[in-house]
Amino acid sequence: MAARGADLAGEARLIDAMVPRGARILDAGCGTGRVGGHLATAGHDVVGVDLDPELVAAAREDHPGSRWLVGDLSELDLPRLGIPAGFHAIVCAGNVMTFVAPATRVEILRRFGTHVGADGRIVVGFGADRGYEFDAFLADAATAELRTDLLLGTWDLRPFTPASDFLVAVFTAGPAGR
């Protein structure tokens, strides 16, 4: 992707702009640490979690200094591991939500809500035609008691429209109307 000129740091730049300096950020579905590694370089305290131990090993090697953990997002319980909740932001990029088992989607979103701080943001991005319709995702987020604050069509802040082939959703925790 880099050879084709793709912007590989766009997700991280968006998150960086949303949080204070030195923020605590959870990279949910971190893979090799591409997003979290960029955020750590920008001075943030990053914890990354991914199900694939090989990808987590690559993140540890490529981005030392952050915490990279093997774990299932549907069972996420970082306080049990001594890592307090209250993250300034949770980022879930790279189409992660389209790869998880459909039966776990609401639980994953619910667990994001329990790990983010009171004023924190949960930011999830994925493409269309990947087996998870945007409307179904937004309904799942509402079921998980996440409030939709902003919908974008790209990580570079283009507006979301019915014709968008990508969604970046920004949430806060708590049911609508609170």
C-alpha atoms as a PDB file:
ATOM      1  CA  MET A   1       0.000   0.000   0.000  1.00  0.00           C
ATOM      2  CA  ALA A   2       2.818   2.390   0.809  1.00  0.00           C
ATOM      3  CA  ALA A   3       4.394   1.714  -2.588  1.00  0.00           C
ATOM      4  CA  ARG A   4       1.100   2.758  -4.213  1.00  0.00           C
ATOM      5  CA  GLY A   5       1.182   6.016  -2.251  1.00  0.00           C
ATOM      6  CA  ALA A   6      -1.518   5.108   0.266  1.00  0.00           C
ATOM      7  CA  ASP A   7      -1.677   7.198   3.429  1.00  0.00           C
ATOM      8  CA  LEU A   8      -0.795   4.682   6.124  1.00  0.00           C
ATOM      9  CA  ALA A   9      -0.897   7.152   9.003  1.00  0.00           C
ATOM     10  CA  GLY A  10      -4.266   8.815   8.356  1.00  0.00           C
ATOM     11  CA  GLU A  11      -6.064   6.888  11.090  1.00  0.00           C
ATOM     12  CA  ALA A  12      -3.398   7.786  13.633  1.00  0.00           C
ATOM     13  CA  ARG A  13      -3.396  11.469  12.646  1.00  0.00           C
ATOM     14  CA  LEU A  14      -7.161  11.667  13.144  1.00  0.00           C
ATOM     15  CA  ILE A  15      -6.937  10.066  16.596  1.00  0.00           C
ATOM     16  CA  ASP A  16      -3.963  12.268  17.524  1.00  0.00           C
ATOM     17  CA  ALA A  17      -6.033  15.359  16.700  1.00  0.00           C
ATOM     18  CA  MET A  18      -8.868  14.180  18.992  1.00  0.00           C
ATOM     19  CA  VAL A  19      -6.887  13.625  22.176  1.00  0.00           C
ATOM     20  CA  PRO A  20      -4.670  15.632  24.523  1.00  0.00           C
ATOM     21  CA  ARG A  21      -0.891  15.235  24.423  1.00  0.00           C
ATOM     22  CA  GLY A  22       0.231  12.092  26.215  1.00  0.00           C
ATOM     23  CA  ALA A  23      -3.212  10.484  25.972  1.00  0.00           C
ATOM     24  CA  ARG A  24      -3.933   6.863  26.821  1.00  0.00           C
ATOM     25  CA  ILE A  25      -5.041   5.097  23.654  1.00  0.00           C
ATOM     26  CA  LEU A  26      -6.259   1.563  23.067  1.00  0.00           C
ATOM     27  CA  ASP A  27      -5.508   0.193  19.595  1.00  0.00           C
ATOM     28  CA  ALA A  28      -8.207  -2.488  19.317  1.00  0.00           C
ATOM     29  CA  GLY A  29      -7.293  -5.075  16.711  1.00  0.00           C
ATOM     30  CA  CYS A  30      -3.799  -3.580  16.526  1.00  0.00           C
ATOM     31  CA  GLY A  31      -2.280  -6.074  14.104  1.00  0.00           C
ATOM     32  CA  THR A  32       1.368  -5.166  13.588  1.00  0.00           C
ATOM     33  CA  GLY A  33       0.967  -1.877  15.443  1.00  0.00           C
ATOM     34  CA  ARG A  34       0.826   0.402  12.414  1.00  0.00           C
ATOM     35  CA  VAL A  35      -1.701   2.821  13.962  1.00  0.00           C
ATOM     36  CA  GLY A  36      -0.684   2.483  17.610  1.00  0.00           C
ATOM     37  CA  GLY A  37       2.998   2.701  16.753  1.00  0.00           C
ATOM     38  CA  HIS A  38       2.464   6.035  15.017  1.00  0.00           C
ATOM     39  CA  LEU A  39       0.483   7.295  18.022  1.00  0.00           C
ATOM     40  CA  ALA A  40       3.222   6.159  20.411  1.00  0.00           C
ATOM     41  CA  THR A  41       5.790   8.025  18.320  1.00  0.00           C
ATOM     42  CA  ALA A  42       3.574  11.111  18.710  1.00  0.00           C
ATOM     43  CA  GLY A  43       3.945  10.766  22.489  1.00  0.00           C
ATOM     44  CA  HIS A  44       0.842   8.829  23.488  1.00  0.00           C
ATOM     45  CA  ASP A  45       0.617   5.908  25.915  1.00  0.00           C
ATOM     46  CA  VAL A  46      -0.592   3.060  23.694  1.00  0.00           C
ATOM     47  CA  VAL A  47      -1.946  -0.368  24.539  1.00  0.00           C
ATOM     48  CA  GLY A  48      -2.646  -2.619  21.571  1.00  0.00           C
ATOM     49  CA  VAL A  49      -4.693  -5.816  21.573  1.00  0.00           C
ATOM     50  CA  ASP A  50      -5.011  -8.358  18.772  1.00  0.00           C
ATOM     51  CA  LEU A  51      -6.062 -11.993  18.547  1.00  0.00           C
ATOM     52  CA  ASP A  52      -3.116 -12.988  16.322  1.00  0.00           C
ATOM     53  CA  PRO A  53       0.077 -13.691  18.324  1.00  0.00           C
ATOM     54  CA  GLU A  54       2.278 -13.358  15.235  1.00  0.00           C
ATOM     55  CA  LEU A  55       0.972  -9.875  14.500  1.00  0.00           C
ATOM     56  CA  VAL A  56       1.392  -8.883  18.150  1.00  0.00           C
ATOM     57  CA  ALA A  57       4.983 -10.191  18.061  1.00  0.00           C
ATOM     58  CA  ALA A  58       5.629  -7.977  15.023  1.00  0.00           C
ATOM     59  CA  ALA A  59       4.123  -4.981  16.853  1.00  0.00           C
ATOM     60  CA  ARG A  60       6.378  -5.631  19.847  1.00  0.00           C
ATOM     61  CA  GLU A  61       9.432  -5.828  17.601  1.00  0.00           C
ATOM     62  CA  ASP A  62       8.594  -2.842  15.403  1.00  0.00           C
ATOM     63  CA  HIS A  63       7.205  -0.563  18.125  1.00  0.00           C
ATOM     64  CA  PRO A  64       8.904  -1.226  21.459  1.00  0.00           C
ATOM     65  CA  GLY A  65       7.828   0.883  24.397  1.00  0.00           C
ATOM     66  CA  SER A  66       4.098   0.303  24.018  1.00  0.00           C
ATOM     67  CA  ARG A  67       2.147  -2.605  25.448  1.00  0.00           C
ATOM     68  CA  TRP A  68       1.045  -5.122  22.805  1.00  0.00           C
ATOM     69  CA  LEU A  69      -1.204  -7.903  24.073  1.00  0.00           C
ATOM     70  CA  VAL A  70      -2.712 -11.032  22.580  1.00  0.00           C
ATOM     71  CA  GLY A  71      -6.402 -11.095  23.348  1.00  0.00           C
ATOM     72  CA  ASP A  72      -9.927 -11.504  22.068  1.00  0.00           C
ATOM     73  CA  LEU A  73     -11.778  -8.188  21.838  1.00  0.00           C
ATOM     74  CA  SER A  74     -15.036  -9.924  22.763  1.00  0.00           C
ATOM     75  CA  GLU A  75     -13.458 -10.828  26.119  1.00  0.00           C
ATOM     76  CA  LEU A  76     -11.550  -7.574  26.624  1.00  0.00           C
ATOM     77  CA  ASP A  77     -10.949  -6.918  30.321  1.00  0.00           C
ATOM     78  CA  LEU A  78      -7.782  -4.876  30.668  1.00  0.00           C
ATOM     79  CA  PRO A  79      -8.323  -3.980  34.355  1.00  0.00           C
ATOM     80  CA  ARG A  80      -8.059  -7.720  35.093  1.00  0.00           C
ATOM     81  CA  LEU A  81      -4.525  -7.463  33.647  1.00  0.00           C
ATOM     82  CA  GLY A  82      -3.667  -4.428  35.760  1.00  0.00           C
ATOM     83  CA  ILE A  83      -4.319  -1.927  32.956  1.00  0.00           C
ATOM     84  CA  PRO A  84      -6.894   0.599  34.094  1.00  0.00           C
ATOM     85  CA  ALA A  85      -9.868   1.551  31.948  1.00  0.00           C
ATOM     86  CA  GLY A  86     -10.428   5.217  31.193  1.00  0.00           C
ATOM     87  CA  PHE A  87      -8.712   5.498  27.813  1.00  0.00           C
ATOM     88  CA  HIS A  88      -8.877   8.883  26.104  1.00  0.00           C
ATOM     89  CA  ALA A  89      -9.530   7.071  22.833  1.00  0.00           C
ATOM     90  CA  ILE A  90     -10.094   3.621  21.440  1.00  0.00           C
ATOM     91  CA  VAL A  91      -9.267   3.177  17.776  1.00  0.00           C
ATOM     92  CA  CYS A  92     -10.440   0.159  15.811  1.00  0.00           C
ATOM     93  CA  ALA A  93      -9.103   0.570  12.276  1.00  0.00           C
ATOM     94  CA  GLY A  94      -8.183  -1.783   9.457  1.00  0.00           C
ATOM     95  CA  ASN A  95     -11.638  -3.307   8.939  1.00  0.00           C
ATOM     96  CA  VAL A  96     -11.308  -5.183  12.252  1.00  0.00           C
ATOM     97  CA  MET A  97     -15.056  -5.188  12.920  1.00  0.00           C
ATOM     98  CA  THR A  98     -15.680  -6.983   9.623  1.00  0.00           C
ATOM     99  CA  PHE A  99     -13.340  -9.829  10.621  1.00  0.00           C
ATOM    100  CA  VAL A 100     -14.857 -10.651  14.008  1.00  0.00           C
ATOM    101  CA  ALA A 101     -17.588 -13.253  14.446  1.00  0.00           C
ATOM    102  CA  PRO A 102     -20.969 -11.584  13.902  1.00  0.00           C
ATOM    103  CA  ALA A 103     -22.258 -12.917  17.223  1.00  0.00           C
ATOM    104  CA  THR A 104     -19.496 -10.998  19.066  1.00  0.00           C
ATOM    105  CA  ARG A 105     -19.953  -7.570  17.476  1.00  0.00           C
ATOM    106  CA  VAL A 106     -22.260  -6.010  20.062  1.00  0.00           C
ATOM    107  CA  GLU A 107     -20.182  -7.426  22.929  1.00  0.00           C
ATOM    108  CA  ILE A 108     -16.982  -5.978  21.448  1.00  0.00           C
ATOM    109  CA  LEU A 109     -18.605  -2.558  21.105  1.00  0.00           C
ATOM    110  CA  ARG A 110     -19.993  -2.835  24.651  1.00  0.00           C
ATOM    111  CA  ARG A 111     -16.526  -3.640  25.980  1.00  0.00           C
ATOM    112  CA  PHE A 112     -15.110  -0.627  24.147  1.00  0.00           C
ATOM    113  CA  GLY A 113     -17.667   1.440  26.062  1.00  0.00           C
ATOM    114  CA  THR A 114     -16.486   0.048  29.406  1.00  0.00           C
ATOM    115  CA  HIS A 115     -12.839   0.794  28.623  1.00  0.00           C
ATOM    116  CA  VAL A 116     -13.137   4.375  27.359  1.00  0.00           C
ATOM    117  CA  GLY A 117     -13.030   7.311  29.762  1.00  0.00           C
ATOM    118  CA  ALA A 118     -16.018   9.551  30.468  1.00  0.00           C
ATOM    119  CA  ASP A 119     -14.896  12.124  27.891  1.00  0.00           C
ATOM    120  CA  GLY A 120     -13.146   9.617  25.626  1.00  0.00           C
ATOM    121  CA  ARG A 121     -13.944   8.663  22.051  1.00  0.00           C
ATOM    122  CA  ILE A 122     -14.335   5.319  20.335  1.00  0.00           C
ATOM    123  CA  VAL A 123     -13.424   5.475  16.653  1.00  0.00           C
ATOM    124  CA  VAL A 124     -14.187   2.557  14.340  1.00  0.00           C
ATOM    125  CA  GLY A 125     -13.525   2.457  10.609  1.00  0.00           C
ATOM    126  CA  PHE A 126     -14.234  -0.134   7.923  1.00  0.00           C
ATOM    127  CA  GLY A 127     -15.173  -0.486   4.284  1.00  0.00           C
ATOM    128  CA  ALA A 128     -18.447  -1.408   2.632  1.00  0.00           C
ATOM    129  CA  ASP A 129     -19.089  -4.777   0.999  1.00  0.00           C
ATOM    130  CA  ARG A 130     -17.299  -6.696   3.758  1.00  0.00           C
ATOM    131  CA  GLY A 131     -20.307  -8.471   5.221  1.00  0.00           C
ATOM    132  CA  TYR A 132     -21.223  -5.834   7.814  1.00  0.00           C
ATOM    133  CA  GLU A 133     -23.666  -3.228   6.567  1.00  0.00           C
ATOM    134  CA  PHE A 134     -23.180   0.256   7.963  1.00  0.00           C
ATOM    135  CA  ASP A 135     -26.792   0.467   9.213  1.00  0.00           C
ATOM    136  CA  ALA A 136     -26.394  -2.851  11.055  1.00  0.00           C
ATOM    137  CA  PHE A 137     -23.154  -1.623  12.620  1.00  0.00           C
ATOM    138  CA  LEU A 138     -24.772   1.605  13.819  1.00  0.00           C
ATOM    139  CA  ALA A 139     -27.695  -0.379  15.247  1.00  0.00           C
ATOM    140  CA  ASP A 140     -25.218  -2.653  17.048  1.00  0.00           C
ATOM    141  CA  ALA A 141     -23.431   0.410  18.445  1.00  0.00           C
ATOM    142  CA  ALA A 142     -26.730   1.760  19.772  1.00  0.00           C
ATOM    143  CA  THR A 143     -27.497  -1.633  21.340  1.00  0.00           C
ATOM    144  CA  ALA A 144     -24.056  -1.477  22.994  1.00  0.00           C
ATOM    145  CA  GLU A 145     -25.028   1.946  24.395  1.00  0.00           C
ATOM    146  CA  LEU A 146     -22.622   3.975  22.293  1.00  0.00           C
ATOM    147  CA  ARG A 147     -23.716   7.436  21.181  1.00  0.00           C
ATOM    148  CA  THR A 148     -22.885   8.399  17.614  1.00  0.00           C
ATOM    149  CA  ASP A 149     -21.087  11.750  17.614  1.00  0.00           C
ATOM    150  CA  LEU A 150     -19.793  11.898  14.047  1.00  0.00           C
ATOM    151  CA  LEU A 151     -19.879   9.843  10.858  1.00  0.00           C
ATOM    152  CA  LEU A 152     -17.184  10.305   8.230  1.00  0.00           C
ATOM    153  CA  GLY A 153     -16.671   8.692   4.841  1.00  0.00           C
ATOM    154  CA  THR A 154     -12.879   8.502   5.218  1.00  0.00           C
ATOM    155  CA  TRP A 155     -10.132   8.936   7.790  1.00  0.00           C
ATOM    156  CA  ASP A 156      -9.297  12.272   6.131  1.00  0.00           C
ATOM    157  CA  LEU A 157     -12.552  13.867   7.316  1.00  0.00           C
ATOM    158  CA  ARG A 158     -14.681  13.642   4.185  1.00  0.00           C
ATOM    159  CA  PRO A 159     -18.373  13.590   5.078  1.00  0.00           C
ATOM    160  CA  PHE A 160     -20.249  10.316   5.228  1.00  0.00           C
ATOM    161  CA  THR A 161     -23.042  10.064   2.648  1.00  0.00           C
ATOM    162  CA  PRO A 162     -25.380   7.257   1.579  1.00  0.00           C
ATOM    163  CA  ALA A 163     -22.979   6.640  -1.329  1.00  0.00           C
ATOM    164  CA  SER A 164     -19.879   6.317   0.887  1.00  0.00           C
ATOM    165  CA  ASP A 165     -17.912   3.098   0.511  1.00  0.00           C
ATOM    166  CA  PHE A 166     -16.174   3.568   3.859  1.00  0.00           C
ATOM    167  CA  LEU A 167     -17.351   4.544   7.331  1.00  0.00           C
ATOM    168  CA  VAL A 168     -15.458   6.116  10.200  1.00  0.00           C
ATOM    169  CA  ALA A 169     -17.768   6.351  13.200  1.00  0.00           C
ATOM    170  CA  VAL A 170     -16.925   8.373  16.290  1.00  0.00           C
ATOM    171  CA  PHE A 171     -18.772   7.409  19.469  1.00  0.00           C
ATOM    172  CA  THR A 172     -18.929   8.271  23.131  1.00  0.00           C
ATOM    173  CA  ALA A 173     -20.083   5.761  25.720  1.00  0.00           C
ATOM    174  CA  GLY A 174     -23.599   5.915  27.094  1.00  0.00           C
ATOM    175  CA  PRO A 175     -27.068   5.606  25.626  1.00  0.00           C
ATOM    176  CA  ALA A 176     -28.467   8.249  23.292  1.00  0.00           C
ATOM    177  CA  GLY A 177     -30.005  11.172  25.099  1.00  0.00           C
ATOM    178  CA  ARG A 178     -27.635  11.003  28.087  1.00  0.00           C
END
